[in-house]
Amino acid sequence: MLKEFLAQSTSTNGQARHYACNNTLELSNLIPPTVSYESQGALLIIINEHDATEQSLSSLQQQFSSMASVTFAVPLGAKINSVISPYFFSLAQLSGYLGRFSFHILQSSSISKVELAPVAIGQPHFDVVLDLSAEALIDNEVPPVGYFPVGRGYPKLDDAIEEIKALIGTFDKPKFFRLDTDKCAHSSRGVKGCERCILSCPAGALSSEGRDETGYKIEINPYLCQGVGTCATSCPTGAIEYALPYPKDTQGFIERTLHNYQTQGGRDPIVLFCSDEHETYNVMALRALPDNVIPIVVNELPSVGIDTWFAALSNGASQVLFAASRRMPATIIRVLNEEVSIAKTLLRQLGIHAQSIDILYLEDLRTSKPTLIETPLNVKVGEVQGDKRARLFQSLDALAQTFTPLQMQAGLPQGAPYGTVACDTDKCTLCMACVAVCPTMALHNEGQLPMLSFIEQDCVQCGLCEGACPEDALNLTPRINWDQPLRTTAITLNKDEPALCLRCQKPFAPKSMITMLQGKLKGHSHFSNDQAIRRIAMCEDCRVADIYDEMAKDPTKQLKY
């Protein structure tokens, strides 16, 4: 449908758009990894107390006569005179996905939960769930595969019935994401930091799991993941990447599409990101827009992030838009708006129209015309390289060479994953706890000297350093630094003279830390003598050697140690 529509335009821009969309190699992964669901057709129907009539139960059982089994669960208090015997519950818990739904019920006469499936159908799980209750038992904005919360209004009952009938057999679903835990800024050494991906998932597929002494790990449940893409958009390090296709491939596709459009005489291209699930709405939107609007069809709108948006602007696009709907889950709208808000702040700092990156709600096209930016930026950075942040800053630096920033350092919205770290040198003891947890090595130690160095471009504002600092000496500030050399060069936040071991003269710690420890421990019972205080100023090896020397001179000291 979309290709047929694009072929109809006879304008120069329209023909150039048609050529670009037809002659740019489509995005695809040849063999995407998948997960499989197994469903035998065991259906659980949860019914409202007021709808639990003999007629409604009989009608539903007849509708699902092709299913392997149909089990009804009804709240206590419902009065049913029917040959169909439902299971009653006072409280219930539901979890799982297609082929593996667990439904635990609690009856008023018992304090223990009962797993219903083994009792009702002799199987460990239900395969499919139709939930007619007003308050869905699984409240994720994007429900798991096989769960139909009709009672909350969407999907419609008739649509759910048709889908449920087809859910018998084996079904494969792509694994939409790749997770690199080495890049993750969520946790280190038991300290929690970034949680942007968890907070941005409308499907409840991401969780923080405690593993071992290294701390917590982000886990993605591939069976719950619906490929929405908000986690990848929110991830500041690129630890989570959308895999259908990868972001770098998407950027390359956009760059080639813009190039093909311009070589055919097309002018002032506007990139419109569209979801491939809503082709009809995409065509409706394009009918209301000029012929220089180029549709870039992706699995989901949030599957492309801010690095891709600016890569498009820095390769000839006049504007980047998202063909969104106000009916999208609230979390998707929130995440998209938060990221677009950061992008608009960056654009304003460059003196570029803030709506050069904007959300286009399809519902609004019926009543008003969108603001379209058709003045090209005249920037051509070419193919961007590196990881997510490197690609973004490469595009931003290219724009900053053409458009003079209003301020070289400017604040960004709270929560933005770009910024600086300030160190209170009066508090900092250079213990390097912050260096130990920093996921990107933005904070690091250069050489053997007690010195804390910082590279601003690498800082994702995750907060791990603040959480790990025992002296509360660090403070994060989200901002953009347009001074590229300053942003990418290591600066010294704090430094000190090295303390030399009293015995071997080897440098082993910051001098200020040793002085601080000696001052704090001087009155402690374990450091009541001068020799114990002196040992604090020794390296680990010499401290042990000094203790053994003392015991050799006075064997009774062994009783103390």
Protein backbone atom coordinates (compact mmCIF):
# COMPACT_ATOMS: atom_id res chain seq x y z
CA MET A 1 0.00 0.00 0.00
CA LEU A 2 2.77 2.45 0.94
CA LYS A 3 4.84 1.76 -2.17
CA GLU A 4 1.79 2.15 -4.39
CA PHE A 5 1.03 5.51 -2.83
CA LEU A 6 4.60 6.77 -3.25
CA ALA A 7 4.55 5.80 -6.94
CA GLN A 8 1.57 8.08 -7.60
CA SER A 9 3.35 11.41 -7.08
CA THR A 10 4.47 13.31 -10.18
CA SER A 11 6.33 16.18 -8.51
CA THR A 12 10.13 16.35 -8.53
CA ASN A 13 10.28 15.70 -4.79
CA GLY A 14 7.71 12.94 -5.04
CA GLN A 15 9.57 11.13 -7.80
CA ALA A 16 12.87 11.53 -5.95
CA ARG A 17 11.21 10.11 -2.82
CA HIS A 18 9.84 7.16 -4.77
CA TYR A 19 13.27 6.47 -6.24
CA ALA A 20 14.99 6.70 -2.83
CA CYS A 21 12.49 4.38 -1.13
CA ASN A 22 12.64 1.86 -4.00
CA ASN A 23 16.41 1.84 -4.51
CA THR A 24 17.77 1.84 -0.97
CA LEU A 25 18.51 -1.63 0.37
CA GLU A 26 15.84 -2.49 2.91
CA LEU A 27 16.65 -3.02 6.56
CA SER A 28 16.58 -6.62 7.72
CA ASN A 29 18.41 -9.22 9.77
CA LEU A 30 18.81 -12.44 7.80
CA ILE A 31 18.52 -14.85 10.75
CA PRO A 32 17.19 -13.11 13.86
CA PRO A 33 17.36 -15.13 17.10
CA THR A 34 13.94 -16.27 18.33
CA VAL A 35 12.09 -17.68 21.32
CA SER A 36 9.30 -20.24 21.02
CA TYR A 37 5.90 -20.49 22.69
CA GLU A 38 4.07 -23.81 23.03
CA SER A 39 0.29 -23.73 23.44
CA GLN A 40 -2.04 -26.73 23.63
CA GLY A 41 -5.12 -24.52 23.86
CA ALA A 42 -5.88 -24.60 27.60
CA LEU A 43 -7.93 -21.42 28.07
CA LEU A 44 -8.63 -19.64 31.35
CA ILE A 45 -11.48 -17.09 31.40
CA ILE A 46 -11.65 -14.67 34.33
CA ILE A 47 -15.11 -13.12 34.65
CA ASN A 48 -16.49 -10.14 36.53
CA GLU A 49 -18.94 -10.92 39.33
CA HIS A 50 -21.70 -8.98 37.55
CA ASP A 51 -21.13 -10.72 34.21
CA ALA A 52 -21.01 -14.22 35.65
CA THR A 53 -24.38 -15.37 34.40
CA GLU A 54 -25.38 -18.76 33.06
CA GLN A 55 -25.96 -17.20 29.66
CA SER A 56 -22.55 -15.53 29.47
CA LEU A 57 -20.66 -18.65 30.56
CA SER A 58 -22.53 -20.86 28.11
CA SER A 59 -21.99 -18.39 25.27
CA LEU A 60 -18.25 -18.17 25.92
CA GLN A 61 -17.88 -21.94 26.21
CA GLN A 62 -19.60 -22.34 22.89
CA GLN A 63 -17.40 -19.67 21.29
CA PHE A 64 -14.30 -21.57 22.36
CA SER A 65 -15.44 -25.09 21.59
CA SER A 66 -12.28 -25.62 19.50
CA MET A 67 -10.00 -25.05 22.47
CA ALA A 68 -8.53 -28.00 24.36
CA SER A 69 -10.15 -26.87 27.60
CA VAL A 70 -12.03 -23.87 28.96
CA THR A 71 -11.81 -23.01 32.68
CA PHE A 72 -13.85 -20.25 34.31
CA ALA A 73 -12.69 -18.30 37.38
CA VAL A 74 -15.22 -16.10 39.17
CA PRO A 75 -14.95 -13.84 42.25
CA LEU A 76 -16.67 -15.04 45.40
CA GLY A 77 -20.21 -13.71 45.72
CA ALA A 78 -21.29 -14.42 42.18
CA LYS A 79 -24.54 -16.38 42.10
CA ILE A 80 -24.50 -18.87 39.26
CA ASN A 81 -27.08 -21.50 38.49
CA SER A 82 -25.42 -23.30 35.64
CA VAL A 83 -24.28 -26.69 34.50
CA ILE A 84 -20.88 -25.04 34.08
CA SER A 85 -19.01 -25.11 37.38
CA PRO A 86 -16.58 -22.19 37.72
CA TYR A 87 -13.81 -21.89 40.29
CA PHE A 88 -14.38 -19.20 42.92
CA PHE A 89 -11.70 -17.01 44.48
CA SER A 90 -11.46 -14.07 46.86
CA LEU A 91 -8.02 -12.98 45.67
CA ALA A 92 -6.01 -14.04 42.65
CA GLN A 93 -2.57 -13.61 41.11
CA LEU A 94 -1.76 -14.09 37.45
CA SER A 95 1.65 -14.19 35.78
CA GLY A 96 3.32 -15.63 32.72
CA TYR A 97 2.88 -15.66 28.96
CA LEU A 98 1.51 -17.82 26.14
CA GLY A 99 1.80 -21.47 27.16
CA ARG A 100 2.96 -20.73 30.73
CA PHE A 101 0.34 -18.78 32.67
CA SER A 102 0.22 -19.37 36.42
CA PHE A 103 -3.06 -18.50 38.15
CA HIS A 104 -2.94 -18.62 41.95
CA ILE A 105 -6.20 -18.25 43.86
CA LEU A 106 -6.90 -17.60 47.51
CA GLN A 107 -10.22 -18.64 49.03
CA SER A 108 -11.64 -17.04 52.15
CA SER A 109 -11.53 -20.32 54.06
CA SER A 110 -7.81 -20.80 53.48
CA ILE A 111 -4.67 -18.73 53.95
CA SER A 112 -2.66 -20.67 51.38
CA LYS A 113 -2.57 -19.99 47.65
CA VAL A 114 -3.60 -22.69 45.22
CA GLU A 115 -2.25 -23.12 41.68
CA LEU A 116 -5.44 -23.62 39.70
CA ALA A 117 -4.19 -25.27 36.50
CA PRO A 118 -3.09 -28.60 38.07
CA VAL A 119 -6.40 -28.78 39.93
CA ALA A 120 -8.68 -27.77 37.06
CA ILE A 121 -7.06 -29.37 34.01
CA GLY A 122 -4.25 -31.54 35.34
CA GLN A 123 -1.56 -29.46 33.65
CA PRO A 124 1.07 -27.18 35.22
CA HIS A 125 -0.05 -24.06 33.37
CA PHE A 126 -2.81 -22.44 31.39
CA ASP A 127 -1.89 -21.55 27.82
CA VAL A 128 -4.13 -18.55 27.11
CA VAL A 129 -6.02 -16.13 29.38
CA LEU A 130 -9.10 -14.06 28.56
CA ASP A 131 -9.52 -11.52 31.38
CA LEU A 132 -12.95 -9.86 31.49
CA SER A 133 -12.41 -8.23 34.89
CA ALA A 134 -12.47 -4.44 35.02
CA GLU A 135 -9.10 -4.39 36.81
CA ALA A 136 -6.76 -6.53 34.77
CA LEU A 137 -4.77 -9.02 36.83
CA ILE A 138 -1.70 -8.19 34.72
CA ASP A 139 -1.59 -4.41 34.51
CA ASN A 140 1.32 -3.96 32.09
CA GLU A 141 0.52 -1.37 29.43
CA VAL A 142 1.68 -3.87 26.81
CA PRO A 143 0.23 -7.25 27.90
CA PRO A 144 2.19 -10.47 27.47
CA VAL A 145 1.58 -12.69 24.46
CA GLY A 146 -1.51 -14.85 25.06
CA TYR A 147 -3.13 -12.50 27.61
CA PHE A 148 -6.23 -10.56 26.57
CA PRO A 149 -7.36 -7.93 29.14
CA VAL A 150 -10.68 -7.27 27.42
CA GLY A 151 -12.26 -5.98 30.63
CA ARG A 152 -10.15 -2.83 30.62
CA GLY A 153 -11.34 -1.88 27.14
CA TYR A 154 -8.67 -3.09 24.76
CA PRO A 155 -8.63 -5.33 22.83
CA LYS A 156 -12.28 -5.73 21.93
CA LEU A 157 -13.91 -9.04 22.85
CA ASP A 158 -14.69 -10.04 19.26
CA ASP A 159 -11.08 -9.42 18.20
CA ALA A 160 -9.76 -11.35 21.20
CA ILE A 161 -12.00 -14.34 20.45
CA GLU A 162 -10.67 -14.61 16.90
CA GLU A 163 -7.04 -14.34 18.05
CA ILE A 164 -7.44 -16.85 20.86
CA LYS A 165 -8.84 -19.51 18.54
CA ALA A 166 -5.64 -19.37 16.51
CA LEU A 167 -3.31 -19.74 19.51
CA ILE A 168 -2.82 -23.49 19.40
CA GLY A 169 0.57 -24.81 18.35
CA THR A 170 4.16 -23.58 18.33
CA PHE A 171 4.90 -19.90 17.74
CA ASP A 172 8.24 -18.19 17.25
CA LYS A 173 8.93 -14.58 18.21
CA PRO A 174 12.13 -12.62 17.54
CA LYS A 175 14.45 -11.61 20.33
CA PHE A 176 14.27 -7.91 19.70
CA PHE A 177 17.27 -6.82 21.76
CA ARG A 178 20.92 -7.46 22.41
CA LEU A 179 22.16 -6.81 25.96
CA ASP A 180 25.84 -6.14 26.71
CA THR A 181 26.16 -6.22 30.50
CA ASP A 182 29.75 -4.93 30.33
CA LYS A 183 28.41 -1.56 29.14
CA CYS A 184 25.51 -1.45 31.60
CA ALA A 185 25.43 1.42 34.12
CA HIS A 186 22.77 -0.16 36.33
CA SER A 187 24.93 -1.52 39.13
CA SER A 188 28.47 -2.13 40.28
CA ARG A 189 29.87 -3.55 43.52
CA GLY A 190 26.42 -3.57 45.13
CA VAL A 191 25.67 0.07 44.27
CA LYS A 192 22.65 0.80 42.07
CA GLY A 193 22.74 3.52 39.46
CA CYS A 194 20.90 3.89 36.15
CA GLU A 195 17.38 2.43 35.93
CA ARG A 196 16.25 4.17 32.75
CA CYS A 197 15.51 0.94 30.86
CA ILE A 198 13.46 -0.62 33.67
CA LEU A 199 11.37 2.53 34.06
CA SER A 200 10.80 2.77 30.32
CA CYS A 201 9.49 -0.76 29.63
CA PRO A 202 5.68 -0.86 29.24
CA ALA A 203 5.71 -4.67 29.02
CA GLY A 204 7.37 -5.42 32.38
CA ALA A 205 10.07 -7.41 30.60
CA LEU A 206 13.06 -5.83 32.36
CA SER A 207 14.07 -6.44 35.94
CA SER A 208 16.98 -5.91 38.30
CA GLU A 209 18.20 -9.25 39.58
CA GLY A 210 20.66 -9.77 42.42
CA ARG A 211 23.40 -12.14 41.30
CA ASP A 212 26.61 -12.16 43.28
CA GLU A 213 29.13 -9.88 44.98
CA THR A 214 29.33 -7.76 41.82
CA GLY A 215 25.81 -6.47 42.48
CA TYR A 216 22.65 -6.42 40.43
CA LYS A 217 22.17 -7.23 36.76
CA ILE A 218 19.60 -6.12 34.23
CA GLU A 219 17.68 -9.06 32.82
CA ILE A 220 15.34 -9.05 29.82
CA ASN A 221 12.64 -11.70 29.75
CA PRO A 222 12.43 -12.47 26.00
CA TYR A 223 8.98 -14.02 26.43
CA LEU A 224 7.53 -10.81 27.88
CA CYS A 225 9.46 -8.44 25.60
CA GLN A 226 7.27 -7.05 22.82
CA GLY A 227 10.03 -5.15 21.02
CA VAL A 228 8.67 -1.69 21.83
CA GLY A 229 12.16 -0.18 21.85
CA THR A 230 11.86 2.32 24.70
CA CYS A 231 14.61 0.58 26.67
CA ALA A 232 17.09 0.97 23.81
CA THR A 233 16.11 4.61 23.32
CA SER A 234 16.55 5.31 27.03
CA CYS A 235 19.82 3.39 27.50
CA PRO A 236 22.63 5.96 27.76
CA THR A 237 25.52 3.60 27.04
CA GLY A 238 24.18 1.40 24.26
CA ALA A 239 24.20 -1.63 26.58
CA ILE A 240 20.73 -2.45 25.21
CA GLU A 241 20.50 -2.29 21.43
CA TYR A 242 17.52 -2.92 19.23
CA ALA A 243 18.45 -5.90 17.08
CA LEU A 244 15.90 -5.76 14.23
CA PRO A 245 17.92 -4.08 12.84
CA TYR A 246 20.82 -2.67 14.82
CA PRO A 247 20.90 1.14 15.26
CA LYS A 248 24.03 1.58 13.20
CA ASP A 249 22.35 -0.23 10.30
CA THR A 250 19.31 2.02 10.62
CA GLN A 251 21.52 5.10 10.49
CA GLY A 252 23.29 3.83 7.41
CA PHE A 253 19.94 3.13 5.75
CA ILE A 254 18.74 6.69 6.46
CA GLU A 255 21.99 8.18 5.16
CA ARG A 256 21.70 6.20 1.92
CA THR A 257 18.02 7.08 1.52
CA LEU A 258 18.74 10.80 1.90
CA HIS A 259 21.62 10.53 -0.55
CA ASN A 260 19.45 8.76 -3.14
CA TYR A 261 16.70 11.32 -2.69
CA GLN A 262 19.07 14.24 -3.23
CA THR A 263 20.83 12.70 -6.24
CA GLN A 264 17.43 12.57 -7.97
CA GLY A 265 16.87 16.28 -7.45
CA GLY A 266 14.83 16.04 -4.25
CA ARG A 267 14.99 19.09 -1.99
CA ASP A 268 14.55 19.79 1.72
CA PRO A 269 13.93 16.19 2.84
CA ILE A 270 11.92 15.57 6.01
CA VAL A 271 12.36 12.17 7.67
CA LEU A 272 9.14 10.65 9.03
CA PHE A 273 9.63 7.58 11.23
CA CYS A 274 6.66 5.23 10.84
CA SER A 275 5.70 1.97 12.55
CA ASP A 276 5.35 -0.92 10.13
CA GLU A 277 2.28 -2.18 12.03
CA HIS A 278 0.20 0.81 10.96
CA GLU A 279 0.69 1.09 7.21
CA THR A 280 -2.84 2.40 6.62
CA TYR A 281 -2.32 5.26 9.08
CA ASN A 282 1.10 6.00 7.62
CA VAL A 283 -0.42 6.44 4.17
CA MET A 284 -3.18 8.64 5.63
CA ALA A 285 -0.50 10.83 7.21
CA LEU A 286 1.53 11.08 4.00
CA ARG A 287 -1.57 12.17 2.07
CA ALA A 288 -1.76 15.21 4.37
CA LEU A 289 1.95 16.02 4.06
CA PRO A 290 4.07 17.40 1.20
CA ASP A 291 6.08 15.17 -1.14
CA ASN A 292 9.42 15.95 0.52
CA VAL A 293 8.40 13.88 3.58
CA ILE A 294 10.26 10.56 3.34
CA PRO A 295 8.83 7.64 5.33
CA ILE A 296 11.39 5.53 7.21
CA VAL A 297 9.52 2.41 8.30
CA VAL A 298 10.77 0.78 11.53
CA ASN A 299 9.39 -1.97 13.77
CA GLU A 300 8.54 0.52 16.52
CA LEU A 301 9.00 4.30 16.78
CA PRO A 302 11.21 4.20 19.92
CA SER A 303 13.51 1.61 18.31
CA VAL A 304 15.61 4.49 16.95
CA GLY A 305 17.23 6.87 19.42
CA ILE A 306 18.56 10.39 19.63
CA ASP A 307 21.82 9.44 17.90
CA THR A 308 19.87 8.36 14.82
CA TRP A 309 17.75 11.52 14.83
CA PHE A 310 20.77 13.82 14.82
CA ALA A 311 22.58 11.64 12.29
CA ALA A 312 19.66 12.33 9.94
CA LEU A 313 19.78 16.09 10.56
CA SER A 314 23.54 16.15 10.00
CA ASN A 315 23.16 14.31 6.71
CA GLY A 316 20.78 16.60 4.89
CA ALA A 317 17.38 16.17 6.58
CA SER A 318 15.57 19.42 7.29
CA GLN A 319 13.43 17.84 9.99
CA VAL A 320 12.87 14.55 11.82
CA LEU A 321 9.29 13.60 12.74
CA PHE A 322 7.59 10.62 14.40
CA ALA A 323 4.22 9.39 13.15
CA ALA A 324 2.81 8.73 16.62
CA SER A 325 -0.64 8.16 18.06
CA ARG A 326 -2.10 9.44 21.30
CA ARG A 327 -3.45 5.92 21.81
CA MET A 328 0.06 4.54 22.29
CA PRO A 329 0.84 3.26 25.82
CA ALA A 330 1.56 6.13 28.21
CA THR A 331 5.10 4.92 28.91
CA ILE A 332 6.01 5.02 25.23
CA ILE A 333 4.65 8.56 24.90
CA ARG A 334 6.49 9.64 28.07
CA VAL A 335 9.85 8.20 26.99
CA LEU A 336 9.53 9.60 23.48
CA ASN A 337 8.66 13.04 24.85
CA GLU A 338 11.55 12.97 27.33
CA GLU A 339 14.07 12.14 24.63
CA VAL A 340 12.59 14.67 22.20
CA SER A 341 12.72 17.30 24.98
CA ILE A 342 16.48 16.72 25.33
CA ALA A 343 16.88 16.95 21.55
CA LYS A 344 14.93 20.21 21.44
CA THR A 345 17.15 21.68 24.17
CA LEU A 346 20.22 20.80 22.12
CA LEU A 347 18.69 22.35 18.99
CA ARG A 348 17.81 25.58 20.80
CA GLN A 349 21.37 25.85 22.05
CA LEU A 350 22.52 25.78 18.43
CA GLY A 351 19.97 28.35 17.35
CA ILE A 352 18.16 25.71 15.25
CA HIS A 353 14.37 25.58 15.25
CA ALA A 354 13.37 23.30 18.15
CA GLN A 355 10.71 21.58 16.04
CA SER A 356 13.38 20.24 13.72
CA ILE A 357 12.88 17.12 15.85
CA ASP A 358 9.24 16.65 16.80
CA ILE A 359 6.38 14.23 17.41
CA LEU A 360 3.60 14.29 14.84
CA TYR A 361 0.39 12.91 16.33
CA LEU A 362 -1.71 11.42 13.55
CA GLU A 363 -4.98 12.43 15.24
CA ASP A 364 -4.00 16.10 14.98
CA LEU A 365 -3.71 15.95 11.19
CA ARG A 366 -7.51 15.91 10.96
CA THR A 367 -7.86 19.35 12.53
CA SER A 368 -4.58 21.21 12.06
CA LYS A 369 -1.50 21.42 9.89
CA PRO A 370 1.83 20.43 11.43
CA THR A 371 4.78 22.78 11.63
CA LEU A 372 7.16 21.67 8.89
CA ILE A 373 10.75 22.88 8.70
CA GLU A 374 11.81 23.03 5.06
CA THR A 375 15.02 25.00 5.44
CA PRO A 376 17.98 22.64 5.01
CA LEU A 377 20.76 22.75 7.61
CA ASN A 378 23.42 22.38 4.91
CA VAL A 379 25.44 19.91 7.00
CA LYS A 380 26.86 16.69 5.58
CA VAL A 381 28.80 14.68 8.14
CA GLY A 382 28.64 11.40 6.21
CA GLU A 383 28.54 7.99 7.83
CA VAL A 384 28.88 8.28 11.60
CA GLN A 385 31.06 5.77 13.42
CA GLY A 386 31.54 4.28 16.86
CA ASP A 387 29.11 3.41 19.63
CA LYS A 388 25.84 5.17 20.43
CA ARG A 389 27.35 8.16 22.22
CA ALA A 390 30.21 8.56 19.75
CA ARG A 391 27.74 8.65 16.86
CA LEU A 392 25.60 11.25 18.61
CA PHE A 393 28.49 13.57 19.46
CA GLN A 394 29.94 13.22 15.97
CA SER A 395 26.66 14.57 14.60
CA LEU A 396 26.38 17.28 17.26
CA ASP A 397 29.93 18.47 16.65
CA ALA A 398 29.25 18.67 12.91
CA LEU A 399 26.20 20.85 13.60
CA ALA A 400 28.16 23.00 16.08
CA GLN A 401 30.72 23.80 13.40
CA THR A 402 27.97 25.38 11.27
CA PHE A 403 25.73 26.80 14.00
CA THR A 404 27.37 28.72 16.85
CA PRO A 405 26.18 27.51 20.26
CA LEU A 406 24.50 30.15 22.43
CA GLN A 407 26.53 28.91 25.42
CA MET A 408 29.51 26.59 25.38
CA GLN A 409 28.17 24.81 28.46
CA ALA A 410 24.40 24.70 28.94
CA GLY A 411 22.09 22.85 31.30
CA LEU A 412 19.97 19.91 30.17
CA PRO A 413 16.72 18.53 31.65
CA GLN A 414 17.10 16.56 34.88
CA GLY A 415 17.79 12.93 34.08
CA ALA A 416 19.57 13.63 30.79
CA PRO A 417 22.47 11.17 30.37
CA TYR A 418 25.05 13.83 29.45
CA GLY A 419 26.88 16.06 31.88
CA THR A 420 29.71 16.71 34.26
CA VAL A 421 30.91 15.65 37.71
CA ALA A 422 32.13 18.10 40.34
CA CYS A 423 34.41 16.98 43.15
CA ASP A 424 34.65 18.63 46.58
CA THR A 425 38.39 18.35 47.11
CA ASP A 426 38.04 19.17 50.82
CA LYS A 427 36.00 15.99 51.28
CA CYS A 428 37.57 13.71 48.69
CA THR A 429 40.21 11.31 50.00
CA LEU A 430 40.99 9.84 46.56
CA CYS A 431 39.89 6.41 47.72
CA MET A 432 38.92 5.63 44.09
CA ALA A 433 35.59 4.04 45.01
CA CYS A 434 34.05 6.12 42.22
CA VAL A 435 36.60 4.84 39.71
CA ALA A 436 35.85 1.26 40.71
CA VAL A 437 32.13 1.57 39.82
CA CYS A 438 32.24 3.93 36.81
CA PRO A 439 30.84 1.88 33.87
CA THR A 440 32.36 3.99 31.10
CA MET A 441 35.71 4.95 32.69
CA ALA A 442 34.64 8.59 32.58
CA LEU A 443 36.17 8.70 36.07
CA HIS A 444 39.58 7.07 36.10
CA ASN A 445 43.04 7.16 37.56
CA GLU A 446 45.99 7.88 35.29
CA GLY A 447 49.26 6.27 36.30
CA GLN A 448 50.40 5.59 39.85
CA LEU A 449 49.84 9.04 41.34
CA PRO A 450 46.79 9.69 43.59
CA MET A 451 44.74 11.62 41.04
CA LEU A 452 41.09 11.54 39.92
CA SER A 453 40.61 12.26 36.20
CA PHE A 454 37.38 12.79 34.28
CA ILE A 455 36.25 12.76 30.62
CA GLU A 456 32.91 14.50 30.25
CA GLN A 457 31.83 12.94 26.95
CA ASP A 458 31.94 9.49 28.54
CA CYS A 459 29.80 10.42 31.57
CA VAL A 460 26.24 9.02 31.43
CA GLN A 461 25.10 10.61 34.72
CA CYS A 462 24.17 7.18 36.11
CA GLY A 463 24.88 8.17 39.73
CA LEU A 464 27.02 5.13 40.57
CA CYS A 465 29.93 7.35 41.58
CA GLU A 466 27.73 9.40 43.93
CA GLY A 467 26.35 6.23 45.49
CA ALA A 468 29.80 4.70 45.99
CA CYS A 469 31.54 7.80 47.41
CA PRO A 470 31.92 7.37 51.20
CA GLU A 471 32.63 11.07 51.73
CA ASP A 472 29.68 12.48 49.68
CA ALA A 473 32.22 14.46 47.68
CA LEU A 474 30.76 14.14 44.18
CA ASN A 475 27.93 16.02 42.50
CA LEU A 476 26.43 15.39 39.04
CA THR A 477 25.13 18.11 36.73
CA PRO A 478 23.37 17.27 33.43
CA ARG A 479 24.57 19.58 30.68
CA ILE A 480 25.87 19.80 27.13
CA ASN A 481 29.44 20.91 26.59
CA TRP A 482 29.91 22.18 23.03
CA ASP A 483 33.66 22.64 23.57
CA GLN A 484 34.72 19.40 21.87
CA PRO A 485 38.39 19.40 22.99
CA LEU A 486 37.41 20.13 26.59
CA ARG A 487 34.61 17.56 26.51
CA THR A 488 36.81 14.76 25.20
CA THR A 489 40.02 15.49 27.12
CA ALA A 490 40.73 14.12 30.58
CA ILE A 491 40.70 16.84 33.25
CA THR A 492 41.92 16.50 36.83
CA LEU A 493 39.18 16.72 39.47
CA ASN A 494 41.47 16.11 42.42
CA LYS A 495 45.06 15.12 43.12
CA ASP A 496 47.36 14.72 46.06
CA GLU A 497 50.95 13.90 46.95
CA PRO A 498 51.54 10.18 47.37
CA ALA A 499 52.18 8.91 50.89
CA LEU A 500 55.51 7.09 51.06
CA CYS A 501 55.69 3.94 53.14
CA LEU A 502 57.66 4.60 56.34
CA ARG A 503 59.66 1.39 55.87
CA CYS A 504 60.24 0.93 52.13
CA GLN A 505 59.45 4.46 50.85
CA LYS A 506 57.10 3.03 48.17
CA PRO A 507 54.16 5.32 47.24
CA PHE A 508 50.99 3.45 48.24
CA ALA A 509 48.13 5.88 49.01
CA PRO A 510 47.14 9.56 48.94
CA LYS A 511 48.88 11.51 51.66
CA SER A 512 45.69 13.24 52.74
CA MET A 513 43.94 9.89 53.25
CA ILE A 514 46.68 8.60 55.54
CA THR A 515 46.61 11.83 57.57
CA MET A 516 42.82 11.62 57.83
CA LEU A 517 42.88 7.97 58.96
CA GLN A 518 45.55 8.59 61.56
CA GLY A 519 43.54 11.51 62.95
CA LYS A 520 40.27 9.56 63.11
CA LEU A 521 41.77 6.39 64.62
CA LYS A 522 44.14 7.96 67.14
CA GLY A 523 41.69 7.63 70.01
CA HIS A 524 40.50 4.13 69.11
CA SER A 525 41.35 1.32 71.55
CA HIS A 526 42.99 -0.77 68.80
CA PHE A 527 45.33 2.11 67.98
CA SER A 528 46.24 3.17 71.51
CA ASN A 529 49.99 3.02 70.97
CA ASP A 530 52.14 5.05 68.63
CA GLN A 531 53.37 2.01 66.70
CA ALA A 532 49.82 1.03 65.64
CA ILE A 533 49.19 4.57 64.41
CA ARG A 534 52.53 4.54 62.54
CA ARG A 535 51.54 1.32 60.72
CA ILE A 536 48.72 3.16 58.99
CA ALA A 537 51.48 5.00 57.13
CA MET A 538 52.97 1.74 55.86
CA CYS A 539 52.12 -0.26 52.75
CA GLU A 540 50.38 -3.62 53.13
CA ASP A 541 53.56 -5.71 52.97
CA CYS A 542 55.52 -3.56 55.41
CA ARG A 543 52.59 -3.40 57.83
CA VAL A 544 52.63 -7.20 58.16
CA ALA A 545 56.43 -7.28 58.38
CA ASP A 546 56.37 -4.66 61.16
CA ILE A 547 53.88 -6.72 63.18
CA TYR A 548 56.06 -9.85 62.93
CA ASP A 549 59.17 -7.82 63.91
CA GLU A 550 57.36 -6.58 66.99
CA MET A 551 56.29 -10.11 67.98
CA ALA A 552 59.86 -11.38 67.47
CA LYS A 553 61.18 -8.78 69.88
CA ASP A 554 58.45 -9.44 72.46
CA PRO A 555 56.76 -12.89 72.10
CA THR A 556 54.04 -11.91 74.59
CA LYS A 557 52.67 -9.57 71.92
CA GLN A 558 51.42 -12.69 70.09
CA LEU A 559 48.58 -12.84 72.61
CA LYS A 560 47.35 -9.47 71.36
CA TYR A 561 47.30 -10.44 67.72
